[in-house]
Amino acid sequence: MKAIVVTDEAAGTAGMKLVERPEPEPALNDVVVQVHASGFTPGELTWPSTWTDRLGRDRTPSIPGHELAGVVSALGYGTTGLSVGQRVFGLTDWTRDGTLAEYVAVEARNLAPLPGDVDFTVGASLPISGLTAWQGLFDHGRLHAGQSVLVHGAAGGVGSMVTQLAREAGAYVIGGGRTADRKTVLDFGAQEFVDLDNDALEDLGGVDLVFDVIGGDIQKRSAGLIRAGGTLVTIAGPPEARPADGLAVDFVVLPDRAQLGEVVRRVRDGRLRTIVGNVATLDDAVAAFNPTERTKGKTIIRVRSGTDPMTINEGAVP
């Protein structure tokens, strides 16, 4: 199969190349997925898990990318809940070979059914941003109706999902971003916009929850806005500041089939929109991973085009 591999941590994206690799075999409780579309995070070449396994052993050459949408092509021993020919999407394990390849082996529990009316490209754009937003708001932030939420990076992939989910949950949403982001943030459902280029955060008053994707000075200043009992949730690393009378939580997103199902259900209903930007082929994945100019939206690698004849089972699995 064709796959993108990395072999040299010091080389970064310069060490990425398209090669032929053996197709993976499914382990216990695995499935093999024929990848139709793949998503990646630009910073993942700096993650230790890209280069080593859970025991700290070198695992190069490794395949990056951890988001996928595709079709189950094989089942490992003991695998239940999914079937060959089923459309799926999900988030693969950080310490195993990823999804910038024609096939990937992944634990079945990390995948959810992808409805037939959701394009593979859209499906591959959902796992990290959708799960991060869901887990940050509801698992860690304990958000409920009537609370107020300040969302930084509200025009981005994660921030736009946070904005939409928080608004649907009945929260008052303040979206933060740069001047040019105002219309986008308000279109995603924020009731108020704070311009980080020109507005003073301190003028906002108190909020119940801050969802931070930036860190640094913005995070420190935002911590001071949180009301008693409120929460600072961040994905920008260990918090440098904490609310005076609240919680500060940093977390790494985890695969979750039920939550993936909640996310894709909202996409089908029109309640949740994702931002897909550049769509490239696997042959052009190295260039897409290291763009020469900033692109808006999630970059997706379209590994396989058209409708695959083995897609025979598109129904949901409980």
Protein backbone atom coordinates (compact mmCIF):
# COMPACT_ATOMS: atom_id res chain seq x y z
CA MET A 1 0.00 0.00 0.00
CA LYS A 2 1.00 3.65 -0.36
CA ALA A 3 1.75 5.49 2.87
CA ILE A 4 3.44 8.63 4.14
CA VAL A 5 6.22 7.85 6.62
CA VAL A 6 8.55 9.83 8.85
CA THR A 7 11.90 8.47 9.99
CA ASP A 8 13.92 11.35 11.43
CA GLU A 9 12.57 13.56 14.21
CA ALA A 10 15.24 16.20 13.61
CA ALA A 11 14.30 16.49 9.93
CA GLY A 12 10.62 17.18 10.65
CA THR A 13 8.50 17.52 7.50
CA ALA A 14 11.65 17.43 5.38
CA GLY A 15 11.96 13.78 6.33
CA MET A 16 8.44 12.84 5.18
CA LYS A 17 8.09 10.69 2.09
CA LEU A 18 5.59 8.56 0.20
CA VAL A 19 6.58 4.89 0.20
CA GLU A 20 5.18 1.40 -0.28
CA ARG A 21 4.39 -0.39 2.97
CA PRO A 22 2.82 -3.80 3.73
CA GLU A 23 -0.89 -3.66 4.47
CA PRO A 24 -1.51 -3.90 8.23
CA GLU A 25 -2.90 -7.01 9.91
CA PRO A 26 -5.64 -6.57 12.52
CA ALA A 27 -4.72 -7.46 16.10
CA LEU A 28 -7.14 -8.57 18.80
CA ASN A 29 -10.24 -6.30 18.76
CA ASP A 30 -8.89 -4.38 15.76
CA VAL A 31 -10.34 -3.65 12.38
CA VAL A 32 -8.47 -2.77 9.22
CA VAL A 33 -9.97 0.26 7.48
CA GLN A 34 -9.58 1.05 3.82
CA VAL A 35 -8.93 4.77 4.19
CA HIS A 36 -10.89 7.12 1.95
CA ALA A 37 -10.01 10.40 3.69
CA SER A 38 -7.50 11.29 6.37
CA GLY A 39 -6.92 14.24 8.68
CA PHE A 40 -3.79 15.29 10.52
CA THR A 41 -2.54 17.86 13.03
CA PRO A 42 0.40 19.97 11.78
CA GLY A 43 2.16 19.84 15.15
CA GLU A 44 2.13 16.07 15.53
CA LEU A 45 5.73 15.67 14.37
CA THR A 46 6.69 17.27 17.70
CA TRP A 47 4.74 14.68 19.72
CA PRO A 48 6.78 11.91 21.40
CA SER A 49 4.08 9.40 20.41
CA THR A 50 4.90 9.97 16.74
CA TRP A 51 8.36 8.53 17.30
CA THR A 52 8.06 6.04 20.15
CA ASP A 53 5.60 3.43 21.38
CA ARG A 54 3.98 3.26 24.82
CA LEU A 55 7.18 1.80 26.28
CA GLY A 56 9.35 4.55 24.86
CA ARG A 57 10.86 2.36 22.13
CA ASP A 58 11.62 3.79 18.70
CA ARG A 59 8.83 2.91 16.26
CA THR A 60 10.06 4.61 13.09
CA PRO A 61 9.39 4.59 10.23
CA SER A 62 5.98 5.69 11.48
CA ILE A 63 2.88 6.84 9.62
CA PRO A 64 1.42 10.17 10.82
CA GLY A 65 -2.20 11.31 10.75
CA HIS A 66 -4.83 10.13 13.24
CA GLU A 67 -8.23 11.06 11.80
CA LEU A 68 -9.92 8.94 9.18
CA ALA A 69 -13.06 8.05 7.33
CA GLY A 70 -13.26 4.87 5.28
CA VAL A 71 -14.61 1.36 4.96
CA VAL A 72 -13.90 -1.65 7.19
CA SER A 73 -12.00 -4.24 5.15
CA ALA A 74 -11.05 -6.84 7.79
CA LEU A 75 -11.81 -7.78 11.40
CA GLY A 76 -9.39 -8.94 14.05
CA TYR A 77 -10.10 -11.84 16.37
CA GLY A 78 -12.79 -11.00 18.90
CA THR A 79 -13.85 -7.78 17.19
CA THR A 80 -17.52 -6.93 17.66
CA GLY A 81 -19.75 -3.95 16.88
CA LEU A 82 -18.50 -3.33 13.35
CA SER A 83 -18.65 -5.34 10.14
CA VAL A 84 -16.74 -5.69 6.89
CA GLY A 85 -17.98 -3.19 4.31
CA GLN A 86 -19.22 -0.69 6.89
CA ARG A 87 -18.50 3.01 6.55
CA VAL A 88 -16.71 4.32 9.64
CA PHE A 89 -14.83 7.34 10.94
CA GLY A 90 -12.79 7.98 14.03
CA LEU A 91 -9.57 8.71 15.85
CA THR A 92 -6.66 6.27 15.92
CA ASP A 93 -4.26 5.59 18.79
CA TRP A 94 -1.48 8.19 19.09
CA THR A 95 1.27 5.56 19.48
CA ARG A 96 0.34 3.39 16.48
CA ASP A 97 0.73 3.96 12.77
CA GLY A 98 -1.75 6.55 11.57
CA THR A 99 -4.03 7.31 8.69
CA LEU A 100 -1.92 8.88 5.92
CA ALA A 101 -2.03 5.52 4.19
CA GLU A 102 -4.34 3.41 2.06
CA TYR A 103 -5.09 1.08 4.99
CA VAL A 104 -4.82 1.38 8.77
CA ALA A 105 -5.31 -1.03 11.67
CA VAL A 106 -7.23 0.54 14.54
CA GLU A 107 -9.08 -0.58 17.65
CA ALA A 108 -12.74 -1.01 16.79
CA ARG A 109 -13.82 0.97 19.85
CA ASN A 110 -12.09 4.06 18.41
CA LEU A 111 -14.45 4.13 15.44
CA ALA A 112 -18.09 5.01 14.90
CA PRO A 113 -20.43 4.33 11.96
CA LEU A 114 -20.37 7.03 9.30
CA PRO A 115 -23.84 7.55 7.81
CA GLY A 116 -24.10 7.13 4.06
CA ASP A 117 -25.13 10.75 3.52
CA VAL A 118 -21.97 12.15 5.17
CA ASP A 119 -19.05 12.47 2.78
CA PHE A 120 -15.78 10.79 3.70
CA THR A 121 -14.02 14.16 3.51
CA VAL A 122 -16.41 15.63 6.09
CA GLY A 123 -16.13 12.52 8.25
CA ALA A 124 -12.34 12.78 8.39
CA SER A 125 -12.56 16.42 9.49
CA LEU A 126 -14.65 15.68 12.57
CA PRO A 127 -12.83 13.44 15.08
CA ILE A 128 -10.23 15.70 16.70
CA SER A 129 -12.16 18.98 16.57
CA GLY A 130 -15.51 17.40 17.44
CA LEU A 131 -14.26 15.22 20.28
CA THR A 132 -12.05 17.98 21.70
CA ALA A 133 -14.98 20.37 21.78
CA TRP A 134 -17.35 17.80 23.28
CA GLN A 135 -14.96 16.57 25.97
CA GLY A 136 -13.75 20.05 26.88
CA LEU A 137 -17.25 21.45 27.27
CA PHE A 138 -19.14 18.56 28.83
CA ASP A 139 -16.65 16.11 30.39
CA HIS A 140 -14.18 18.65 31.78
CA GLY A 141 -16.09 21.93 31.71
CA ARG A 142 -19.39 20.47 33.02
CA LEU A 143 -21.28 23.00 30.94
CA HIS A 144 -25.02 23.40 31.38
CA ALA A 145 -27.70 25.73 30.08
CA GLY A 146 -27.62 29.30 31.31
CA GLN A 147 -23.86 29.47 31.80
CA SER A 148 -21.53 31.80 29.92
CA VAL A 149 -18.57 30.56 27.86
CA LEU A 150 -15.59 32.45 26.47
CA VAL A 151 -14.19 30.56 23.48
CA HIS A 152 -10.76 31.51 22.19
CA GLY A 153 -9.89 30.71 18.60
CA ALA A 154 -13.61 30.62 17.87
CA ALA A 155 -13.10 30.82 14.09
CA GLY A 156 -10.81 27.77 14.03
CA GLY A 157 -11.54 24.07 13.73
CA VAL A 158 -11.87 23.34 17.45
CA GLY A 159 -13.17 26.77 18.46
CA SER A 160 -15.97 26.77 15.89
CA MET A 161 -17.14 23.37 17.15
CA VAL A 162 -17.01 24.61 20.76
CA THR A 163 -19.03 27.68 19.81
CA GLN A 164 -21.75 25.68 18.06
CA LEU A 165 -22.05 22.97 20.74
CA ALA A 166 -22.08 25.48 23.60
CA ARG A 167 -24.77 27.57 21.91
CA GLU A 168 -26.88 24.46 21.29
CA ALA A 169 -26.50 23.52 24.96
CA GLY A 170 -28.08 26.80 26.00
CA ALA A 171 -24.97 28.72 26.99
CA TYR A 172 -24.23 32.39 26.33
CA VAL A 173 -21.23 32.24 24.00
CA ILE A 174 -18.54 34.89 23.65
CA GLY A 175 -16.21 34.13 20.76
CA GLY A 176 -12.66 35.42 20.78
CA GLY A 177 -10.50 35.99 17.71
CA ARG A 178 -8.74 38.47 15.49
CA THR A 179 -10.48 41.40 13.84
CA ALA A 180 -10.99 39.53 10.56
CA ASP A 181 -12.70 36.66 12.40
CA ARG A 182 -15.71 38.62 13.65
CA LYS A 183 -18.24 37.62 10.98
CA THR A 184 -17.15 33.98 10.98
CA VAL A 185 -17.44 33.70 14.76
CA LEU A 186 -20.88 35.30 14.87
CA ASP A 187 -22.04 33.12 11.96
CA PHE A 188 -21.12 30.06 14.02
CA GLY A 189 -23.51 31.21 16.74
CA ALA A 190 -21.57 33.34 19.20
CA GLN A 191 -23.77 36.02 20.74
CA GLU A 192 -20.82 38.30 21.33
CA PHE A 193 -17.35 38.76 19.80
CA VAL A 194 -14.20 39.91 21.57
CA ASP A 195 -11.51 41.27 19.27
CA LEU A 196 -8.16 40.16 20.67
CA ASP A 197 -6.42 42.78 18.54
CA ASN A 198 -8.35 45.74 19.92
CA ASP A 199 -10.68 44.85 22.81
CA ALA A 200 -9.74 44.45 26.46
CA LEU A 201 -10.62 41.01 27.79
CA GLU A 202 -11.04 42.47 31.23
CA ASP A 203 -14.06 44.47 30.02
CA LEU A 204 -16.07 41.28 29.51
CA GLY A 205 -16.81 40.74 33.19
CA GLY A 206 -17.17 37.29 34.68
CA VAL A 207 -17.76 34.04 32.78
CA ASP A 208 -18.42 30.49 33.96
CA LEU A 209 -16.14 28.70 31.51
CA VAL A 210 -13.15 29.61 29.38
CA PHE A 211 -12.19 27.25 26.54
CA ASP A 212 -8.60 28.10 25.66
CA VAL A 213 -6.68 26.94 22.58
CA ILE A 214 -4.02 29.65 22.70
CA GLY A 215 -2.21 29.61 26.04
CA GLY A 216 0.28 32.28 27.07
CA ASP A 217 -0.84 35.77 28.01
CA ILE A 218 -4.38 35.28 26.70
CA GLN A 219 -4.83 32.28 28.97
CA LYS A 220 -3.42 34.11 32.00
CA ARG A 221 -5.73 37.08 31.53
CA SER A 222 -8.72 34.85 30.87
CA ALA A 223 -8.23 32.96 34.13
CA GLY A 224 -9.00 36.16 35.99
CA LEU A 225 -12.43 36.37 34.36
CA ILE A 226 -13.73 33.07 35.71
CA ARG A 227 -16.45 33.27 38.34
CA ALA A 228 -16.33 31.32 41.59
CA GLY A 229 -16.81 27.65 40.85
CA GLY A 230 -16.02 28.12 37.16
CA THR A 231 -13.52 26.30 34.98
CA LEU A 232 -10.61 27.07 32.67
CA VAL A 233 -10.32 24.31 30.07
CA THR A 234 -7.24 24.34 27.86
CA ILE A 235 -5.65 22.23 25.15
CA ALA A 236 -2.57 24.48 25.00
CA GLY A 237 -0.60 22.55 27.63
CA PRO A 238 -0.48 22.80 31.43
CA PRO A 239 -2.19 26.03 32.50
CA GLU A 240 0.10 28.87 33.50
CA ALA A 241 -2.67 30.53 35.51
CA ARG A 242 -5.62 29.26 37.49
CA PRO A 243 -8.93 30.80 38.50
CA ALA A 244 -8.89 32.25 41.99
CA ASP A 245 -11.86 30.10 43.03
CA GLY A 246 -12.33 27.50 40.31
CA LEU A 247 -10.71 24.70 38.34
CA ALA A 248 -8.08 24.63 35.61
CA VAL A 249 -8.02 21.55 33.39
CA ASP A 250 -5.74 20.66 30.51
CA PHE A 251 -6.48 17.49 28.60
CA VAL A 252 -5.62 15.36 25.59
CA VAL A 253 -8.56 14.27 23.47
CA LEU A 254 -9.53 10.59 23.57
CA PRO A 255 -11.42 8.42 21.08
CA ASP A 256 -15.05 7.81 22.04
CA ARG A 257 -17.59 6.04 19.81
CA ALA A 258 -20.67 7.43 21.54
CA GLN A 259 -19.41 11.01 21.35
CA LEU A 260 -18.45 10.59 17.68
CA GLY A 261 -22.02 9.48 17.12
CA GLU A 262 -23.36 12.61 18.83
CA VAL A 263 -21.12 14.81 16.68
CA VAL A 264 -22.01 13.21 13.34
CA ARG A 265 -25.71 13.18 14.21
CA ARG A 266 -25.58 16.95 14.60
CA VAL A 267 -23.73 17.30 11.31
CA ARG A 268 -26.47 15.34 9.54
CA ASP A 269 -29.18 17.46 11.19
CA GLY A 270 -27.51 20.69 10.14
CA ARG A 271 -26.86 21.70 13.74
CA LEU A 272 -23.07 21.46 13.42
CA ARG A 273 -20.77 22.62 10.65
CA THR A 274 -17.15 21.72 10.09
CA ILE A 275 -14.57 23.77 8.22
CA VAL A 276 -12.89 21.85 5.41
CA GLY A 277 -10.19 23.84 3.66
CA ASN A 278 -7.60 22.32 1.36
CA VAL A 279 -8.29 18.80 0.05
CA ALA A 280 -5.17 17.11 -1.33
CA THR A 281 -4.28 13.64 -2.61
CA LEU A 282 -1.98 11.21 -0.83
CA ASP A 283 0.66 11.95 -3.48
CA ASP A 284 0.55 15.60 -2.42
CA ALA A 285 0.29 14.96 1.33
CA VAL A 286 3.85 16.00 2.14
CA ALA A 287 3.28 19.44 0.61
CA ALA A 288 -0.11 19.70 2.32
CA PHE A 289 1.49 18.89 5.69
CA ASN A 290 3.93 21.77 5.21
CA PRO A 291 2.02 24.50 3.30
CA THR A 292 3.81 27.59 2.06
CA GLU A 293 0.89 29.81 3.02
CA ARG A 294 -1.82 29.77 5.66
CA THR A 295 -5.02 28.02 4.67
CA LYS A 296 -8.43 28.40 6.27
CA GLY A 297 -10.09 25.26 7.54
CA LYS A 298 -9.02 21.67 8.04
CA THR A 299 -6.71 20.15 5.45
CA ILE A 300 -7.92 16.72 4.40
CA ILE A 301 -6.04 14.10 2.43
CA ARG A 302 -8.35 12.33 0.01
CA VAL A 303 -6.74 8.89 -0.12
CA ARG A 304 -9.33 7.25 -2.36
CA SER A 305 -11.82 8.87 -4.72
CA GLY A 306 -15.31 7.79 -5.72
CA THR A 307 -17.67 5.23 -4.23
CA ASP A 308 -16.06 1.95 -3.29
CA PRO A 309 -18.08 -1.15 -4.27
CA MET A 310 -17.32 -2.85 -0.96
CA THR A 311 -19.36 -0.24 0.93
CA ILE A 312 -22.29 -2.53 1.65
CA ASN A 313 -23.29 -1.75 5.21
CA GLU A 314 -23.91 1.83 6.19
CA GLY A 315 -26.25 1.27 9.11
CA ALA A 316 -25.57 2.46 12.62
CA VAL A 317 -24.37 0.09 15.29
CA PRO A 318 -25.72 0.52 18.81
